[in-house]
């Protein structure tokens, strides 16, 4: 199978490459993309020899092209968005791994779906802002959308235990570690620094998603994503600090199926790449006796108000999730640049959600228009704060 990895320099991309290395007789690399990290993409091209590479940053792209030539690597560097989308759309690409962060990943996700690809989706923002639209598009074009977030992969695996899964389900239980501030006194949150917010106790992730985890907005976004991926509205969030149970499904007979593994993204990626077969992930075995015990508790919606905002956006539906995501992206970026304080993240999003006019999403342009307006509102709020 020929694979394109969008966002190969990030944690999802590097984990995917590790799984492909474990299963090199089944997969080959057609395309690797990155934003600005030309050195890492160069190393990946030297190791995996993809046919194509693409960098969003023009300066980094030129540097990559020069260094590939010096190293004698024959990977062709694509120089335009059109070329990138042409390669994704072509018969040369069979599987697309969408590992980019943010709504910027929506365009290549759309291209993958329109051209009937098998899409391994880690770019949750795409489904948050346009889930219903993407579902309809996938059905029209016979594309397969396969979640590789650990939680959504777990739900997929749990649902596989029922032949008539949707009608048999009582609810989805979406688990989360609670992030780095689960046990931090609420009074201390006002002084949290970016360095503290990106220090996740379980997962090694990028800065933006780590901040989202600390505010629990990440779990809120996953809630909205799960609603559209599985077309099930009854979803409960449960805090599970150890990060061993990645999600559960409760069925109408009150039985519960859970998926367990060590917190390593290579496992859901291997499940997505190999499905319906199981392939090697290259991870360690789970030793429950060594762990000893697993703990669970309900989320504190007062301490983590971003969860409430996500629930409200999901309830409103339409363009509300797109506004939520855009406001959050701008607020987190401002926090990481020390322009606002930690607790201001929620304030900015709340202000934007109050200003946005909720409407039905009729086409993808409605999503982009909401995204633009919400970002403008967020930037105004950030400036005021």
Protein backbone atom coordinates (compact mmCIF):
# COMPACT_ATOMS: atom_id res chain seq x y z
CA UNK A 1 0.00 0.00 0.00
CA UNK A 2 1.28 3.45 -0.92
CA UNK A 3 1.05 5.93 1.95
CA UNK A 4 1.07 9.72 2.16
CA UNK A 5 1.84 11.19 5.57
CA UNK A 6 0.68 14.77 6.02
CA UNK A 7 2.60 16.26 8.92
CA UNK A 8 5.42 13.72 9.00
CA UNK A 9 7.65 15.78 11.31
CA UNK A 10 5.09 15.75 14.16
CA UNK A 11 4.39 13.05 16.72
CA UNK A 12 1.72 11.34 14.61
CA UNK A 13 3.95 11.39 11.53
CA UNK A 14 7.02 10.00 13.27
CA UNK A 15 4.95 7.28 14.97
CA UNK A 16 3.45 6.32 11.59
CA UNK A 17 6.92 6.04 10.08
CA UNK A 18 7.95 3.75 12.94
CA UNK A 19 4.97 1.47 12.28
CA UNK A 20 5.71 1.43 8.55
CA UNK A 21 9.32 0.50 9.33
CA UNK A 22 7.99 -2.48 11.32
CA UNK A 23 5.86 -3.48 8.32
CA UNK A 24 8.01 -2.45 5.36
CA UNK A 25 6.85 -5.44 3.30
CA UNK A 26 3.27 -4.10 3.34
CA UNK A 27 3.72 -0.33 2.93
CA UNK A 28 5.77 2.17 0.94
CA UNK A 29 5.99 5.96 1.24
CA UNK A 30 4.65 8.03 -1.63
CA UNK A 31 4.56 11.45 0.06
CA UNK A 32 5.83 13.16 3.21
CA UNK A 33 4.88 16.71 4.16
CA UNK A 34 5.95 19.15 6.86
CA UNK A 35 5.62 22.84 7.64
CA UNK A 36 9.03 24.32 8.50
CA UNK A 37 11.23 21.50 9.85
CA UNK A 38 13.35 20.85 6.76
CA UNK A 39 16.10 19.06 8.72
CA UNK A 40 13.73 16.42 10.07
CA UNK A 41 12.06 15.94 6.70
CA UNK A 42 15.49 15.55 5.09
CA UNK A 43 16.38 12.80 7.57
CA UNK A 44 13.05 11.09 6.89
CA UNK A 45 13.59 11.24 3.13
CA UNK A 46 17.05 9.73 3.55
CA UNK A 47 15.64 6.88 5.64
CA UNK A 48 12.37 6.12 3.82
CA UNK A 49 12.92 7.44 0.27
CA UNK A 50 9.41 8.73 -0.47
CA UNK A 51 8.68 9.59 -4.09
CA UNK A 52 7.55 13.11 -3.12
CA UNK A 53 8.08 15.63 -0.33
CA UNK A 54 6.34 18.93 0.34
CA UNK A 55 6.99 21.81 2.72
CA UNK A 56 4.46 24.57 3.35
CA UNK A 57 7.22 27.08 4.11
CA UNK A 58 8.86 28.28 0.86
CA UNK A 59 12.26 28.99 2.42
CA UNK A 60 12.35 25.57 4.08
CA UNK A 61 11.23 23.93 0.83
CA UNK A 62 14.14 25.43 -1.11
CA UNK A 63 16.56 24.35 1.60
CA UNK A 64 15.18 20.80 1.54
CA UNK A 65 15.45 20.64 -2.25
CA UNK A 66 19.08 21.76 -2.13
CA UNK A 67 20.06 19.30 0.63
CA UNK A 68 18.29 16.34 -0.98
CA UNK A 69 20.33 16.96 -4.12
CA UNK A 70 23.57 17.19 -2.11
CA UNK A 71 22.74 13.91 -0.33
CA UNK A 72 21.86 12.18 -3.61
CA UNK A 73 18.28 11.43 -2.51
CA UNK A 74 15.90 11.22 -5.47
CA UNK A 75 12.77 12.40 -3.62
CA UNK A 76 10.99 15.07 -5.70
CA UNK A 77 10.09 18.25 -3.80
CA UNK A 78 6.64 19.57 -4.71
CA UNK A 79 6.62 23.35 -5.04
CA UNK A 80 2.93 24.27 -5.07
CA UNK A 81 -0.31 23.47 -3.28
CA UNK A 82 -1.73 22.25 -6.58
CA UNK A 83 1.07 19.71 -6.97
CA UNK A 84 0.49 18.55 -3.40
CA UNK A 85 -3.23 18.02 -3.94
CA UNK A 86 -2.60 16.32 -7.30
CA UNK A 87 -0.34 13.74 -5.62
CA UNK A 88 -2.88 13.13 -2.85
CA UNK A 89 -5.62 12.70 -5.44
CA UNK A 90 -3.61 10.43 -7.76
CA UNK A 91 -3.72 6.63 -7.93
CA UNK A 92 -0.15 6.68 -6.57
CA UNK A 93 -1.60 7.43 -3.13
CA UNK A 94 -3.82 4.80 -1.50
CA UNK A 95 -3.72 5.72 2.20
CA UNK A 96 -3.53 9.28 3.55
CA UNK A 97 -2.45 9.84 7.16
CA UNK A 98 -3.67 13.28 8.25
CA UNK A 99 -1.40 14.17 11.16
CA UNK A 100 -1.45 17.96 10.83
CA UNK A 101 -2.65 20.16 13.70
CA UNK A 102 -5.42 22.73 13.28
CA UNK A 103 -8.08 23.66 10.77
CA UNK A 104 -5.30 24.19 8.20
CA UNK A 105 -5.50 20.44 7.65
CA UNK A 106 -9.05 20.66 6.29
CA UNK A 107 -8.05 21.24 2.62
CA UNK A 108 -5.95 18.07 2.18
CA UNK A 109 -8.55 16.12 4.18
CA UNK A 110 -11.18 17.30 1.69
CA UNK A 111 -8.97 16.30 -1.25
CA UNK A 112 -8.49 12.83 0.26
CA UNK A 113 -12.22 12.30 0.77
CA UNK A 114 -13.30 13.67 -2.63
CA UNK A 115 -10.89 11.24 -4.29
CA UNK A 116 -12.11 8.23 -2.33
CA UNK A 117 -8.96 7.58 -0.30
CA UNK A 118 -8.57 5.59 2.87
CA UNK A 119 -8.07 8.46 5.31
CA UNK A 120 -6.39 7.84 8.66
CA UNK A 121 -7.51 10.88 10.60
CA UNK A 122 -5.60 12.42 13.50
CA UNK A 123 -6.51 15.97 12.47
CA UNK A 124 -9.51 16.21 14.80
CA UNK A 125 -10.15 19.86 13.91
CA UNK A 126 -11.41 18.84 10.45
CA UNK A 127 -14.19 16.79 11.96
CA UNK A 128 -14.91 19.31 14.67
CA UNK A 129 -15.59 22.11 12.17
CA UNK A 130 -17.18 20.11 9.34
CA UNK A 131 -18.05 16.63 10.58
CA UNK A 132 -21.53 16.29 9.09
CA UNK A 133 -20.38 17.74 5.76
CA UNK A 134 -17.38 15.37 5.60
CA UNK A 135 -19.58 12.36 6.41
CA UNK A 136 -21.85 13.15 3.48
CA UNK A 137 -18.86 13.75 1.21
CA UNK A 138 -17.26 10.44 2.20
CA UNK A 139 -20.46 8.55 1.45
CA UNK A 140 -20.76 10.19 -1.97
CA UNK A 141 -17.15 9.38 -2.91
CA UNK A 142 -16.83 5.99 -1.19
CA UNK A 143 -13.96 7.22 0.97
CA UNK A 144 -13.09 5.47 4.23
CA UNK A 145 -12.44 7.67 7.26
CA UNK A 146 -10.52 5.85 9.95
CA UNK A 147 -9.75 7.59 13.29
CA UNK A 148 -6.24 7.19 14.69
CA UNK A 149 -6.57 9.35 17.79
CA UNK A 150 -6.13 6.88 20.64
CA UNK A 151 -9.64 7.55 21.98
CA UNK A 152 -11.48 7.31 18.68
CA UNK A 153 -9.48 4.29 17.60
CA UNK A 154 -10.48 2.68 20.90
CA UNK A 155 -14.16 3.44 20.27
CA UNK A 156 -13.87 1.94 16.76
CA UNK A 157 -12.36 -1.22 18.24
CA UNK A 158 -15.06 -1.45 20.90
CA UNK A 159 -17.83 -1.02 18.32
CA UNK A 160 -16.27 -3.78 16.23
CA UNK A 161 -17.51 -6.14 18.93
CA UNK A 162 -21.12 -5.61 17.83
CA UNK A 163 -22.50 -6.59 14.43
CA UNK A 164 -25.30 -4.04 14.70
CA UNK A 165 -23.17 -1.49 16.52
CA UNK A 166 -25.15 1.77 16.38
CA UNK A 167 -28.49 0.27 17.43
CA UNK A 168 -26.84 -1.77 20.17
CA UNK A 169 -25.05 1.16 21.80
CA UNK A 170 -26.21 2.84 24.99
CA UNK A 171 -23.38 5.38 25.19
CA UNK A 172 -19.74 6.11 24.46
CA UNK A 173 -17.40 6.69 27.39
CA UNK A 174 -14.58 8.96 26.24
CA UNK A 175 -11.64 8.75 28.63
CA UNK A 176 -8.94 11.36 29.29
CA UNK A 177 -5.95 11.63 31.59
CA UNK A 178 -7.05 15.01 32.96
CA UNK A 179 -3.85 16.69 31.80
CA UNK A 180 -1.06 18.21 33.90
CA UNK A 181 -3.35 20.25 36.18
CA UNK A 182 -5.80 17.55 37.23
CA UNK A 183 -4.69 17.83 40.86
CA UNK A 184 -3.56 21.46 40.81
CA UNK A 185 -5.38 23.87 43.13
CA UNK A 186 -7.75 25.99 41.04
CA UNK A 187 -6.38 29.15 42.70
CA UNK A 188 -2.94 28.44 41.19
CA UNK A 189 -4.15 28.20 37.58
CA UNK A 190 -4.02 31.97 37.07
CA UNK A 191 -0.21 31.85 37.24
CA UNK A 192 0.35 28.87 34.93
CA UNK A 193 3.11 29.42 32.35
CA UNK A 194 3.30 28.02 28.80
CA UNK A 195 6.17 25.78 29.90
CA UNK A 196 4.00 24.21 32.61
CA UNK A 197 1.00 23.84 30.30
CA UNK A 198 2.90 21.86 27.65
CA UNK A 199 4.27 19.33 30.17
CA UNK A 200 1.79 16.47 29.73
CA UNK A 201 2.09 13.62 32.28
CA UNK A 202 1.27 10.82 29.81
CA UNK A 203 1.63 11.80 26.15
CA UNK A 204 4.47 13.47 24.26
CA UNK A 205 2.66 15.90 21.96
CA UNK A 206 3.07 19.24 20.22
CA UNK A 207 2.64 22.52 22.09
CA UNK A 208 -0.85 23.39 20.88
CA UNK A 209 -2.43 20.02 21.63
CA UNK A 210 -0.61 19.89 24.99
CA UNK A 211 -2.16 23.21 26.03
CA UNK A 212 -5.54 21.91 24.84
CA UNK A 213 -5.05 18.87 27.05
CA UNK A 214 -4.24 21.07 30.05
CA UNK A 215 -7.47 23.10 29.60
CA UNK A 216 -9.33 19.89 28.63
CA UNK A 217 -10.45 21.60 25.44
CA UNK A 218 -8.79 18.68 23.68
CA UNK A 219 -11.33 16.36 25.28
CA UNK A 220 -14.10 18.75 24.26
CA UNK A 221 -12.93 18.71 20.65
CA UNK A 222 -12.72 14.91 20.78
CA UNK A 223 -16.29 14.84 22.08
CA UNK A 224 -17.52 16.73 19.02
CA UNK A 225 -15.36 14.61 16.71
CA UNK A 226 -16.73 11.37 18.20
CA UNK A 227 -20.29 12.58 17.74
CA UNK A 228 -19.76 12.85 13.96
CA UNK A 229 -17.37 9.95 13.45
CA UNK A 230 -19.75 7.45 15.03
CA UNK A 231 -23.08 9.27 14.66
CA UNK A 232 -23.82 8.70 18.36
CA UNK A 233 -24.90 11.61 20.56
CA UNK A 234 -24.79 10.06 24.04
CA UNK A 235 -21.14 10.55 25.01
CA UNK A 236 -19.78 10.72 28.55
CA UNK A 237 -16.33 11.99 29.57
CA UNK A 238 -14.46 10.06 32.25
CA UNK A 239 -11.09 11.00 33.74
CA UNK A 240 -8.61 8.11 33.83
CA UNK A 241 -5.19 9.43 34.95
CA UNK A 242 -3.14 6.37 33.96
CA UNK A 243 -4.14 6.59 30.30
CA UNK A 244 -4.42 2.80 29.89
CA UNK A 245 -8.11 2.53 28.99
CA UNK A 246 -8.42 4.70 25.90
CA UNK A 247 -12.22 4.68 25.74
CA UNK A 248 -15.20 2.43 26.33
CA UNK A 249 -18.59 1.67 24.83
CA UNK A 250 -21.61 0.72 26.93
CA UNK A 251 -24.23 -1.40 25.15
CA UNK A 252 -27.96 -1.68 25.75
CA UNK A 253 -27.52 -4.89 27.75
CA UNK A 254 -25.35 -2.81 30.15
CA UNK A 255 -22.18 -4.64 29.16
CA UNK A 256 -19.13 -2.42 28.64
CA UNK A 257 -16.29 -3.08 26.21
CA UNK A 258 -13.03 -1.19 26.78
CA UNK A 259 -9.80 -0.97 24.77
CA UNK A 260 -6.58 -1.08 26.79
CA UNK A 261 -2.97 -0.51 25.83
CA UNK A 262 0.07 1.42 26.88
CA UNK A 263 -0.21 5.12 25.91
CA UNK A 264 1.66 4.90 22.61
CA UNK A 265 0.28 6.35 19.36
CA UNK A 266 1.89 3.56 17.33
CA UNK A 267 -0.87 1.21 18.50
CA UNK A 268 -3.90 3.08 17.05
CA UNK A 269 -1.85 3.92 13.95
CA UNK A 270 -1.00 0.23 13.42
CA UNK A 271 -4.69 -0.62 13.88
CA UNK A 272 -5.67 1.95 11.26
CA UNK A 273 -3.02 0.93 8.75
CA UNK A 274 -3.65 -2.79 9.06
CA UNK A 275 -7.43 -2.92 9.48
CA UNK A 276 -9.16 -5.36 9.33
CA UNK A 277 -5.95 -7.31 10.03
CA UNK A 278 -3.68 -6.62 13.00
CA UNK A 279 -0.07 -5.68 12.25
CA UNK A 280 3.00 -5.16 14.44
CA UNK A 281 3.12 -1.80 16.22
CA UNK A 282 6.61 -2.11 17.68
CA UNK A 283 5.42 -1.19 21.19
CA UNK A 284 5.84 -2.82 24.59
CA UNK A 285 3.29 -5.25 26.03
CA UNK A 286 0.76 -4.10 28.61
CA UNK A 287 1.52 -5.52 32.07
CA UNK A 288 -1.55 -5.03 34.25
CA UNK A 289 0.01 -6.76 37.24
CA UNK A 290 2.84 -4.23 37.17
CA UNK A 291 0.35 -1.35 37.02
CA UNK A 292 -1.58 -2.74 39.96
CA UNK A 293 -4.62 -0.46 39.78
CA UNK A 294 -6.53 1.89 37.49
CA UNK A 295 -8.39 4.99 38.69
CA UNK A 296 -11.41 6.92 37.43
CA UNK A 297 -13.22 10.13 38.34
CA UNK A 298 -15.72 12.55 36.85
CA UNK A 299 -14.40 15.73 35.20
CA UNK A 300 -14.57 19.03 37.11
CA UNK A 301 -16.52 21.32 34.78
CA UNK A 302 -15.94 24.33 37.03
CA UNK A 303 -12.17 23.87 37.03
CA UNK A 304 -12.09 23.16 33.29
CA UNK A 305 -14.75 25.48 31.79
CA UNK A 306 -13.57 24.79 28.22
CA UNK A 307 -15.43 21.48 28.52
CA UNK A 308 -18.69 23.39 29.00
CA UNK A 309 -17.99 25.49 25.92
CA UNK A 310 -17.40 22.37 23.84
CA UNK A 311 -20.61 20.77 25.10
CA UNK A 312 -22.56 23.92 24.23
CA UNK A 313 -21.01 24.04 20.75
CA UNK A 314 -21.92 20.40 20.14
CA UNK A 315 -25.46 21.05 21.34
CA UNK A 316 -25.84 24.11 19.07
CA UNK A 317 -24.24 22.22 16.14
CA UNK A 318 -24.17 24.06 12.78
CA UNK A 319 -21.22 26.46 12.62
CA UNK A 320 -20.77 26.63 16.42
CA UNK A 321 -17.95 24.01 16.55
CA UNK A 322 -16.06 25.88 13.80
CA UNK A 323 -16.23 29.09 15.86
CA UNK A 324 -15.14 27.22 18.99
CA UNK A 325 -12.12 25.71 17.25
CA UNK A 326 -11.00 28.98 15.62
CA UNK A 327 -11.27 30.92 18.87
CA UNK A 328 -9.36 28.22 20.73
CA UNK A 329 -6.55 28.12 18.16
CA UNK A 330 -6.06 31.90 18.41
CA UNK A 331 -6.29 31.94 22.21
CA UNK A 332 -3.79 29.10 22.65
CA UNK A 333 -1.36 30.73 20.19
CA UNK A 334 -1.61 34.00 22.15
CA UNK A 335 -1.00 32.21 25.44
CA UNK A 336 2.07 30.41 24.07
CA UNK A 337 3.40 33.81 22.98
CA UNK A 338 2.73 35.24 26.47
CA UNK A 339 0.16 37.70 25.11
CA UNK A 340 -2.57 36.49 27.45
CA UNK A 341 -2.68 34.53 30.72
CA UNK A 342 -3.71 30.91 31.08
CA UNK A 343 -7.24 31.58 32.35
CA UNK A 344 -7.76 34.08 29.53
CA UNK A 345 -7.93 31.18 27.05
CA UNK A 346 -11.42 30.32 28.25
CA UNK A 347 -12.42 34.00 28.38
CA UNK A 348 -11.46 34.60 24.74
CA UNK A 349 -13.37 31.55 23.53
CA UNK A 350 -16.41 32.47 25.60
CA UNK A 351 -16.48 36.01 24.18
CA UNK A 352 -16.31 34.68 20.61
CA UNK A 353 -19.06 32.13 21.21
CA UNK A 354 -21.31 34.88 22.58
CA UNK A 355 -20.75 37.00 19.45
CA UNK A 356 -21.11 34.34 16.79
CA UNK A 357 -24.42 33.91 14.98
CA UNK A 358 -25.26 30.22 14.93
CA UNK A 359 -26.30 28.97 11.49
CA UNK A 360 -26.56 25.76 9.48
CA UNK A 361 -23.49 24.66 7.52
CA UNK A 362 -24.71 24.26 3.94
CA UNK A 363 -21.30 24.02 2.27
CA UNK A 364 -17.63 24.22 3.14
CA UNK A 365 -17.51 27.97 2.52
CA UNK A 366 -19.80 28.45 5.51
CA UNK A 367 -17.12 26.79 7.64
CA UNK A 368 -14.36 29.01 6.27
CA UNK A 369 -16.46 32.15 6.77
CA UNK A 370 -17.20 31.24 10.38
CA UNK A 371 -13.53 30.43 10.95
CA UNK A 372 -12.49 33.84 9.60
CA UNK A 373 -15.05 35.79 11.63
CA UNK A 374 -14.29 33.88 14.85
CA UNK A 375 -10.56 34.52 14.48
CA UNK A 376 -11.17 38.24 14.00
CA UNK A 377 -13.31 38.31 17.16
CA UNK A 378 -10.69 36.32 19.06
CA UNK A 379 -7.86 38.62 18.03
CA UNK A 380 -9.91 41.65 19.11
CA UNK A 381 -10.55 40.02 22.48
CA UNK A 382 -6.88 39.12 22.90
CA UNK A 383 -5.89 42.71 22.18
CA UNK A 384 -8.42 44.00 24.72
CA UNK A 385 -7.19 41.59 27.38
